PDB file of N, CA and C in Angstrom:
ATOM      1  N   MET A   1       2.459 -19.345   0.526  1.00  0.00           N
ATOM      2  CA  MET A   1       1.439 -18.504   1.112  1.00  0.00           C
ATOM      3  C   MET A   1       0.546 -18.362   0.071  1.00  0.00           C
ATOM      4  N   SER A   2      -0.489 -18.392   0.503  1.00  0.00           N
ATOM      5  CA  SER A   2      -1.810 -18.167  -0.514  1.00  0.00           C
ATOM      6  C   SER A   2      -1.647 -16.711  -1.569  1.00  0.00           C
ATOM      7  N   PRO A   3      -2.172 -16.844  -2.563  1.00  0.00           N
ATOM      8  CA  PRO A   3      -1.772 -15.242  -3.190  1.00  0.00           C
ATOM      9  C   PRO A   3      -3.014 -14.422  -2.476  1.00  0.00           C
ATOM     10  N   ALA A   4      -4.120 -14.505  -2.069  1.00  0.00           N
ATOM     11  CA  ALA A   4      -4.932 -13.493  -1.496  1.00  0.00           C
ATOM     12  C   ALA A   4      -4.066 -12.965  -0.233  1.00  0.00           C
ATOM     13  N   ILE A   5      -3.239 -13.989   0.553  1.00  0.00           N
ATOM     14  CA  ILE A   5      -3.100 -13.289   1.981  1.00  0.00           C
ATOM     15  C   ILE A   5      -1.926 -12.406   1.137  1.00  0.00           C
ATOM     16  N   VAL A   6      -0.852 -12.906   0.328  1.00  0.00           N
ATOM     17  CA  VAL A   6       0.045 -11.806  -0.227  1.00  0.00           C
ATOM     18  C   VAL A   6      -0.499 -10.599  -0.778  1.00  0.00           C
ATOM     19  N   VAL A   7      -1.501 -10.730  -1.557  1.00  0.00           N
ATOM     20  CA  VAL A   7      -1.909  -9.532  -2.212  1.00  0.00           C
ATOM     21  C   VAL A   7      -2.618  -8.840  -1.112  1.00  0.00           C
ATOM     22  N   PHE A   8      -3.360  -9.354  -0.174  1.00  0.00           N
ATOM     23  CA  PHE A   8      -3.590  -8.539   0.746  1.00  0.00           C
ATOM     24  C   PHE A   8      -2.823  -7.599   1.779  1.00  0.00           C
ATOM     25  N   PHE A   9      -1.641  -8.181   2.104  1.00  0.00           N
ATOM     26  CA  PHE A   9      -0.936  -7.453   2.977  1.00  0.00           C
ATOM     27  C   PHE A   9       0.124  -6.581   2.001  1.00  0.00           C
ATOM     28  N   SER A  10       0.697  -7.097   0.902  1.00  0.00           N
ATOM     29  CA  SER A  10       1.194  -5.938   0.027  1.00  0.00           C
ATOM     30  C   SER A  10       0.181  -4.665  -0.666  1.00  0.00           C
ATOM     31  N   SER A  11      -0.813  -5.003  -0.832  1.00  0.00           N
ATOM     32  CA  SER A  11      -2.148  -3.710  -0.983  1.00  0.00           C
ATOM     33  C   SER A  11      -1.894  -3.149   0.418  1.00  0.00           C
ATOM     34  N   PHE A  12      -2.399  -3.243   1.492  1.00  0.00           N
ATOM     35  CA  PHE A  12      -2.339  -2.837   2.917  1.00  0.00           C
ATOM     36  C   PHE A  12      -1.257  -2.000   2.988  1.00  0.00           C
ATOM     37  N   VAL A  13       0.107  -2.243   2.746  1.00  0.00           N
ATOM     38  CA  VAL A  13       1.094  -1.535   2.678  1.00  0.00           C
ATOM     39  C   VAL A  13       1.408  -0.629   1.584  1.00  0.00           C
ATOM     40  N   PHE A  14       1.286  -0.845   0.285  1.00  0.00           N
ATOM     41  CA  PHE A  14       1.138  -0.195  -1.203  1.00  0.00           C
ATOM     42  C   PHE A  14       0.611   1.049  -0.575  1.00  0.00           C
ATOM     43  N   ILE A  15      -0.720   0.403  -0.407  1.00  0.00           N
ATOM     44  CA  ILE A  15      -1.476   1.638  -0.194  1.00  0.00           C
ATOM     45  C   ILE A  15      -1.460   2.874   0.749  1.00  0.00           C
ATOM     46  N   ALA A  16      -1.137   2.148   2.260  1.00  0.00           N
ATOM     47  CA  ALA A  16      -0.585   3.064   3.228  1.00  0.00           C
ATOM     48  C   ALA A  16       0.405   3.955   2.784  1.00  0.00           C
ATOM     49  N   LEU A  17       1.756   3.213   2.053  1.00  0.00           N
ATOM     50  CA  LEU A  17       2.443   4.173   1.458  1.00  0.00           C
ATOM     51  C   LEU A  17       2.324   5.280   0.998  1.00  0.00           C
ATOM     52  N   LYS A  18       1.156   5.067  -0.321  1.00  0.00           N
ATOM     53  CA  LYS A  18       0.599   6.215  -1.184  1.00  0.00           C
ATOM     54  C   LYS A  18       0.533   7.178  -0.261  1.00  0.00           C
ATOM     55  N   ALA A  19      -0.866   6.613   0.369  1.00  0.00           N
ATOM     56  CA  ALA A  19      -1.475   7.781   1.506  1.00  0.00           C
ATOM     57  C   ALA A  19      -0.289   8.787   2.424  1.00  0.00           C
ATOM     58  N   PHE A  20       0.382   8.151   2.777  1.00  0.00           N
ATOM     59  CA  PHE A  20       1.723   8.605   3.720  1.00  0.00           C
ATOM     60  C   PHE A  20       2.574   9.642   2.522  1.00  0.00           C
ATOM     61  N   GLN A  21       2.894   8.721   1.564  1.00  0.00           N
ATOM     62  CA  GLN A  21       3.931   9.935   0.120  1.00  0.00           C
ATOM     63  C   GLN A  21       2.830  11.198   0.238  1.00  0.00           C
ATOM     64  N   GLN A  22       1.554  11.398   0.057  1.00  0.00           N
ATOM     65  CA  GLN A  22       0.646  12.439  -0.400  1.00  0.00           C
ATOM     66  C   GLN A  22       0.594  13.184   0.945  1.00  0.00           C
ATOM     67  N   LEU A  23       0.915  12.650   2.191  1.00  0.00           N
ATOM     68  CA  LEU A  23       1.021  13.979   3.086  1.00  0.00           C
ATOM     69  C   LEU A  23       2.399  14.155   3.517  1.00  0.00           C
ATOM     70  N   ASN A  24       3.314  13.777   2.940  1.00  0.00           N
ATOM     71  CA  ASN A  24       4.548  13.885   2.726  1.00  0.00           C
ATOM     72  C   ASN A  24       4.847  14.904   1.917  1.00  0.00           C
ATOM     73  N   VAL A  25       3.986  15.224   0.785  1.00  0.00           N
ATOM     74  CA  VAL A  25       4.375  15.964  -0.272  1.00  0.00           C
ATOM     75  C   VAL A  25       3.294  17.410   0.344  1.00  0.00           C
ATOM     76  N   VAL A  26       2.245  17.460   1.042  1.00  0.00           N
ATOM     77  CA  VAL A  26       1.388  18.126   1.202  1.00  0.00           C
ATOM     78  C   VAL A  26       2.043  19.038   2.324  1.00  0.00           C
ATOM     79  N   HIS A  27       3.014  18.426   2.868  1.00  0.00           N
ATOM     80  CA  HIS A  27       3.381  18.736   4.358  1.00  0.00           C
ATOM     81  C   HIS A  27       4.965  19.039   4.407  1.00  0.00           C
ATOM     82  N   ASP A  28       5.239  18.967   2.786  1.00  0.00           N
ATOM     83  CA  ASP A  28       6.932  19.441   2.505  1.00  0.00           C
ATOM     84  C   ASP A  28       7.937  18.794   3.696  1.00  0.00           C
ATOM     85  N   LYS A  29       7.628  17.288   3.701  1.00  0.00           N
ATOM     86  CA  LYS A  29       8.507  16.295   4.312  1.00  0.00           C
ATOM     87  C   LYS A  29       9.313  15.685   2.830  1.00  0.00           C
ATOM     88  N   TYR A  30      10.310  16.581   2.252  1.00  0.00           N
ATOM     89  CA  TYR A  30      11.306  15.723   1.354  1.00  0.00           C
ATOM     90  C   TYR A  30      12.008  14.913   1.619  1.00  0.00           C
ATOM     91  N   TRP A  31      12.538  15.167   2.765  1.00  0.00           N
ATOM     92  CA  TRP A  31      13.208  13.685   3.377  1.00  0.00           C
ATOM     93  C   TRP A  31      12.628  12.398   3.460  1.00  0.00           C
ATOM     94  N   PHE A  32      11.367  12.027   3.728  1.00  0.00           N
ATOM     95  CA  PHE A  32      10.691  10.697   3.133  1.00  0.00           C
ATOM     96  C   PHE A  32       9.972  10.559   1.817  1.00  0.00           C
ATOM     97  N   ILE A  33      10.080  11.573   1.216  1.00  0.00           N
ATOM     98  CA  ILE A  33      10.070  11.096  -0.142  1.00  0.00           C
ATOM     99  C   ILE A  33      10.785  10.132  -1.049  1.00  0.00           C
ATOM    100  N   MET A  34      11.937  10.050  -1.063  1.00  0.00           N
ATOM    101  CA  MET A  34      12.311   8.977  -2.323  1.00  0.00           C
ATOM    102  C   MET A  34      12.641   7.403  -0.885  1.00  0.00           C
ATOM    103  N   PRO A  35      12.596   7.678  -0.165  1.00  0.00           N
ATOM    104  CA  PRO A  35      12.526   6.286   0.620  1.00  0.00           C
ATOM    105  C   PRO A  35      11.148   5.610   0.436  1.00  0.00           C
ATOM    106  N   THR A  36      10.330   6.474   0.835  1.00  0.00           N
ATOM    107  CA  THR A  36       8.745   5.595   0.462  1.00  0.00           C
ATOM    108  C   THR A  36       8.279   5.365  -0.962  1.00  0.00           C
ATOM    109  N   SER A  37       9.137   6.638  -1.542  1.00  0.00           N
ATOM    110  CA  SER A  37       8.955   6.176  -3.202  1.00  0.00           C
ATOM    111  C   SER A  37       9.185   4.369  -3.437  1.00  0.00           C
ATOM    112  N   PHE A  38      10.466   4.354  -2.997  1.00  0.00           N
ATOM    113  CA  PHE A  38      11.284   2.754  -3.434  1.00  0.00           C
ATOM    114  C   PHE A  38      10.223   1.576  -2.400  1.00  0.00           C
ATOM    115  N   ALA A  39       9.961   1.996  -1.256  1.00  0.00           N
ATOM    116  CA  ALA A  39       9.023   0.797  -0.554  1.00  0.00           C
ATOM    117  C   ALA A  39       7.674   0.794  -1.470  1.00  0.00           C
ATOM    118  N   MET A  40       7.154   1.782  -1.729  1.00  0.00           N
ATOM    119  CA  MET A  40       6.137   1.784  -2.869  1.00  0.00           C
ATOM    120  C   MET A  40       6.431   1.359  -4.234  1.00  0.00           C
ATOM    121  N   ALA A  41       7.696   1.040  -4.567  1.00  0.00           N
ATOM    122  CA  ALA A  41       7.625   0.344  -5.439  1.00  0.00           C
ATOM    123  C   ALA A  41       7.961  -1.333  -5.514  1.00  0.00           C
ATOM    124  N   GLY A  42       8.403  -1.567  -4.564  1.00  0.00           N
ATOM    125  CA  GLY A  42       8.784  -3.165  -4.097  1.00  0.00           C
ATOM    126  C   GLY A  42       7.364  -3.720  -3.686  1.00  0.00           C
ATOM    127  N   CYS A  43       6.428  -2.847  -2.911  1.00  0.00           N
ATOM    128  CA  CYS A  43       5.013  -3.448  -2.933  1.00  0.00           C
ATOM    129  C   CYS A  43       3.927  -3.349  -4.286  1.00  0.00           C
ATOM    130  N   GLU A  44       4.573  -2.404  -5.111  1.00  0.00           N
ATOM    131  CA  GLU A  44       3.873  -2.597  -6.615  1.00  0.00           C
ATOM    132  C   GLU A  44       4.198  -3.668  -7.217  1.00  0.00           C
ATOM    133  N   ILE A  45       5.450  -4.282  -7.125  1.00  0.00           N
ATOM    134  CA  ILE A  45       5.985  -5.380  -7.818  1.00  0.00           C
ATOM    135  C   ILE A  45       5.315  -6.699  -7.500  1.00  0.00           C
ATOM    136  N   ILE A  46       5.327  -6.655  -5.989  1.00  0.00           N
ATOM    137  CA  ILE A  46       4.929  -8.021  -5.571  1.00  0.00           C
ATOM    138  C   ILE A  46       3.205  -8.003  -6.082  1.00  0.00           C
ATOM    139  N   VAL A  47       2.243  -6.946  -5.718  1.00  0.00           N
ATOM    140  CA  VAL A  47       1.169  -6.709  -6.392  1.00  0.00           C
ATOM    141  C   VAL A  47       1.001  -7.215  -7.708  1.00  0.00           C
ATOM    142  N   ILE A  48       1.676  -6.571  -8.238  1.00  0.00           N
ATOM    143  CA  ILE A  48       1.392  -6.720  -9.768  1.00  0.00           C
ATOM    144  C   ILE A  48       2.138  -8.204 -10.394  1.00  0.00           C
ATOM    145  N   SER A  49       3.092  -8.989  -9.683  1.00  0.00           N
ATOM    146  CA  SER A  49       2.993 -10.063  -9.976  1.00  0.00           C
ATOM    147  C   SER A  49       2.363 -11.137 -10.048  1.00  0.00           C
ATOM    148  N   THR A  50       2.019 -10.723  -8.279  1.00  0.00           N
ATOM    149  CA  THR A  50       0.903 -11.696  -8.004  1.00  0.00           C
ATOM    150  C   THR A  50      -0.174 -11.794  -8.699  1.00  0.00           C
ATOM    151  N   VAL A  51      -1.216 -10.877  -9.156  1.00  0.00           N
ATOM    152  CA  VAL A  51      -2.202 -10.837  -9.796  1.00  0.00           C
ATOM    153  C   VAL A  51      -1.803 -11.352 -11.197  1.00  0.00           C
ATOM    154  N   ALA A  52      -0.772 -10.773 -11.759  1.00  0.00           N
ATOM    155  CA  ALA A  52      -0.545 -11.372 -13.261  1.00  0.00           C
ATOM    156  C   ALA A  52      -0.413 -13.110 -13.305  1.00  0.00           C
ATOM    157  N   HIS A  53      -1.020 -13.622 -12.090  1.00  0.00           N
ATOM    158  CA  HIS A  53      -0.519 -15.327 -12.366  1.00  0.00           C
ATOM    159  C   HIS A  53      -2.186 -15.632 -12.189  1.00  0.00           C
ATOM    160  N   GLY A  54      -2.943 -14.747 -12.181  1.00  0.00           N
ATOM    161  CA  GLY A  54      -4.307 -15.338 -12.645  1.00  0.00           C
ATOM    162  C   GLY A  54      -5.481 -14.310 -11.701  1.00  0.00           C
ATOM    163  N   PHE A  55      -6.332 -13.856 -12.158  1.00  0.00           N
ATOM    164  CA  PHE A  55      -7.225 -12.744 -11.649  1.00  0.00           C
ATOM    165  C   PHE A  55      -8.275 -14.060 -10.871  1.00  0.00           C
ATOM    166  N   SER A  56      -8.722 -13.824  -9.973  1.00  0.00           N
ATOM    167  CA  SER A  56      -9.805 -14.586  -8.989  1.00  0.00           C
ATOM    168  C   SER A  56     -10.676 -13.594  -8.059  1.00  0.00           C
ATOM    169  N   PHE A  57     -11.477 -13.700  -7.565  1.00  0.00           N
ATOM    170  CA  PHE A  57     -12.309 -12.856  -6.595  1.00  0.00           C
ATOM    171  C   PHE A  57     -11.805 -12.939  -5.351  1.00  0.00           C
ATOM    172  N   PRO A  58     -10.989 -14.097  -4.538  1.00  0.00           N
ATOM    173  CA  PRO A  58     -10.348 -13.780  -3.458  1.00  0.00           C
ATOM    174  C   PRO A  58      -9.166 -12.690  -3.681  1.00  0.00           C
ATOM    175  N   VAL A  59      -8.176 -12.916  -4.815  1.00  0.00           N
ATOM    176  CA  VAL A  59      -7.423 -11.866  -5.083  1.00  0.00           C
ATOM    177  C   VAL A  59      -7.943 -10.737  -4.844  1.00  0.00           C
ATOM    178  N   TRP A  60      -8.961 -10.545  -5.562  1.00  0.00           N
ATOM    179  CA  TRP A  60      -9.749  -8.920  -6.048  1.00  0.00           C
ATOM    180  C   TRP A  60     -10.405  -8.441  -5.076  1.00  0.00           C
ATOM    181  N   PHE A  61     -10.773  -9.093  -3.966  1.00  0.00           N
ATOM    182  CA  PHE A  61     -11.439  -9.176  -2.757  1.00  0.00           C
ATOM    183  C   PHE A  61      -9.979  -8.507  -1.635  1.00  0.00           C
ATOM    184  N   SER A  62      -9.410  -9.322  -1.656  1.00  0.00           N
ATOM    185  CA  SER A  62      -8.349  -9.104  -0.954  1.00  0.00           C
ATOM    186  C   SER A  62      -7.413  -7.842  -1.253  1.00  0.00           C
ATOM    187  N   LEU A  63      -7.216  -7.390  -2.241  1.00  0.00           N
ATOM    188  CA  LEU A  63      -6.537  -6.227  -2.971  1.00  0.00           C
ATOM    189  C   LEU A  63      -7.310  -5.432  -2.666  1.00  0.00           C
ATOM    190  N   GLY A  64      -8.484  -5.316  -2.549  1.00  0.00           N
ATOM    191  CA  GLY A  64      -9.705  -3.996  -2.552  1.00  0.00           C
ATOM    192  C   GLY A  64      -9.474  -3.880  -0.927  1.00  0.00           C
ATOM    193  N   THR A  65      -9.902  -4.682  -0.106  1.00  0.00           N
ATOM    194  CA  THR A  65      -9.934  -4.865   1.093  1.00  0.00           C
ATOM    195  C   THR A  65      -8.529  -4.345   1.795  1.00  0.00           C
ATOM    196  N   GLY A  66      -7.005  -4.820   1.670  1.00  0.00           N
ATOM    197  CA  GLY A  66      -5.885  -4.381   2.117  1.00  0.00           C
ATOM    198  C   GLY A  66      -5.855  -2.887   1.581  1.00  0.00           C
ATOM    199  N   ALA A  67      -6.256  -2.352   0.240  1.00  0.00           N
ATOM    200  CA  ALA A  67      -6.284  -0.884  -0.393  1.00  0.00           C
ATOM    201  C   ALA A  67      -7.100  -0.406   1.242  1.00  0.00           C
ATOM    202  N   GLY A  68      -8.158  -0.605   1.258  1.00  0.00           N
ATOM    203  CA  GLY A  68      -8.762   0.221   1.983  1.00  0.00           C
ATOM    204  C   GLY A  68      -8.529   0.511   3.483  1.00  0.00           C
ATOM    205  N   LEU A  69      -8.006  -0.543   3.769  1.00  0.00           N
ATOM    206  CA  LEU A  69      -7.826  -0.568   5.493  1.00  0.00           C
ATOM    207  C   LEU A  69      -6.340   0.362   5.302  1.00  0.00           C
ATOM    208  N   GLY A  70      -5.509   0.049   4.547  1.00  0.00           N
ATOM    209  CA  GLY A  70      -3.989   0.465   4.188  1.00  0.00           C
ATOM    210  C   GLY A  70      -4.358   2.156   4.465  1.00  0.00           C
ATOM    211  N   CYS A  71      -4.906   2.741   3.585  1.00  0.00           N
ATOM    212  CA  CYS A  71      -5.346   4.088   3.845  1.00  0.00           C
ATOM    213  C   CYS A  71      -5.962   4.483   5.316  1.00  0.00           C
ATOM    214  N   ILE A  72      -6.664   3.822   5.372  1.00  0.00           N
ATOM    215  CA  ILE A  72      -7.486   4.505   6.765  1.00  0.00           C
ATOM    216  C   ILE A  72      -6.231   4.392   7.767  1.00  0.00           C
ATOM    217  N   CYS A  73      -5.525   3.298   8.001  1.00  0.00           N
ATOM    218  CA  CYS A  73      -4.505   3.108   8.968  1.00  0.00           C
ATOM    219  C   CYS A  73      -3.258   4.008   8.814  1.00  0.00           C
ATOM    220  N   SER A  74      -3.198   4.324   7.199  1.00  0.00           N
ATOM    221  CA  SER A  74      -2.019   5.714   7.368  1.00  0.00           C
ATOM    222  C   SER A  74      -2.575   6.879   7.634  1.00  0.00           C
ATOM    223  N   MET A  75      -3.927   7.245   7.823  1.00  0.00           N
ATOM    224  CA  MET A  75      -4.605   8.308   7.941  1.00  0.00           C
ATOM    225  C   MET A  75      -4.559   8.452   9.253  1.00  0.00           C
ATOM    226  N   PHE A  76      -4.941   7.275   9.944  1.00  0.00           N
ATOM    227  CA  PHE A  76      -4.798   7.370  11.424  1.00  0.00           C
ATOM    228  C   PHE A  76      -3.460   7.369  12.080  1.00  0.00           C
ATOM    229  N   VAL A  77      -2.437   7.105  11.682  1.00  0.00           N
ATOM    230  CA  VAL A  77      -0.695   7.096  12.403  1.00  0.00           C
ATOM    231  C   VAL A  77      -0.555   8.460  12.023  1.00  0.00           C
ATOM    232  N   HIS A  78      -0.780   9.011  10.914  1.00  0.00           N
ATOM    233  CA  HIS A  78      -0.667  10.320  10.199  1.00  0.00           C
ATOM    234  C   HIS A  78      -1.027  11.380  11.390  1.00  0.00           C
ATOM    235  N   LYS A  79      -2.566  11.138  11.596  1.00  0.00           N
ATOM    236  CA  LYS A  79      -3.065  12.251  12.429  1.00  0.00           C
ATOM    237  C   LYS A  79      -2.517  12.155  14.220  1.00  0.00           C
ATOM    238  N   ARG A  80      -2.118  10.680  14.381  1.00  0.00           N
ATOM    239  CA  ARG A  80      -1.579  10.864  15.799  1.00  0.00           C
ATOM    240  C   ARG A  80      -0.041  10.995  15.941  1.00  0.00           C
ATOM    241  N   VAL A  81       0.421  11.128  14.745  1.00  0.00           N
ATOM    242  CA  VAL A  81       1.712  11.317  14.892  1.00  0.00           C
ATOM    243  C   VAL A  81       1.565  12.913  14.695  1.00  0.00           C
ATOM    244  N   ARG A  82       1.395  13.465  14.343  1.00  0.00           N
ATOM    245  CA  ARG A  82       0.944  15.053  14.015  1.00  0.00           C
ATOM    246  C   ARG A  82       0.634  15.466  14.796  1.00  0.00           C
TER     247      ARG A  82
END
């Protein structure tokens, strides 16, 4: 699979989890903090290991796009669930 695609999806999930984690803290959802932290760590490892193999514009663009869309998605889901 293309590194840009891997980074896009990993970044999407990672940033969505970061936003979700922030919302957990703000709304005192203690039960979700540890599982979310472990999921974030897994995504972070994937992103770092993929980017460490070489920087390129497609990887950079995929990382930024996935991160932005992941945050928007998390905000949308949180608003609908809450």
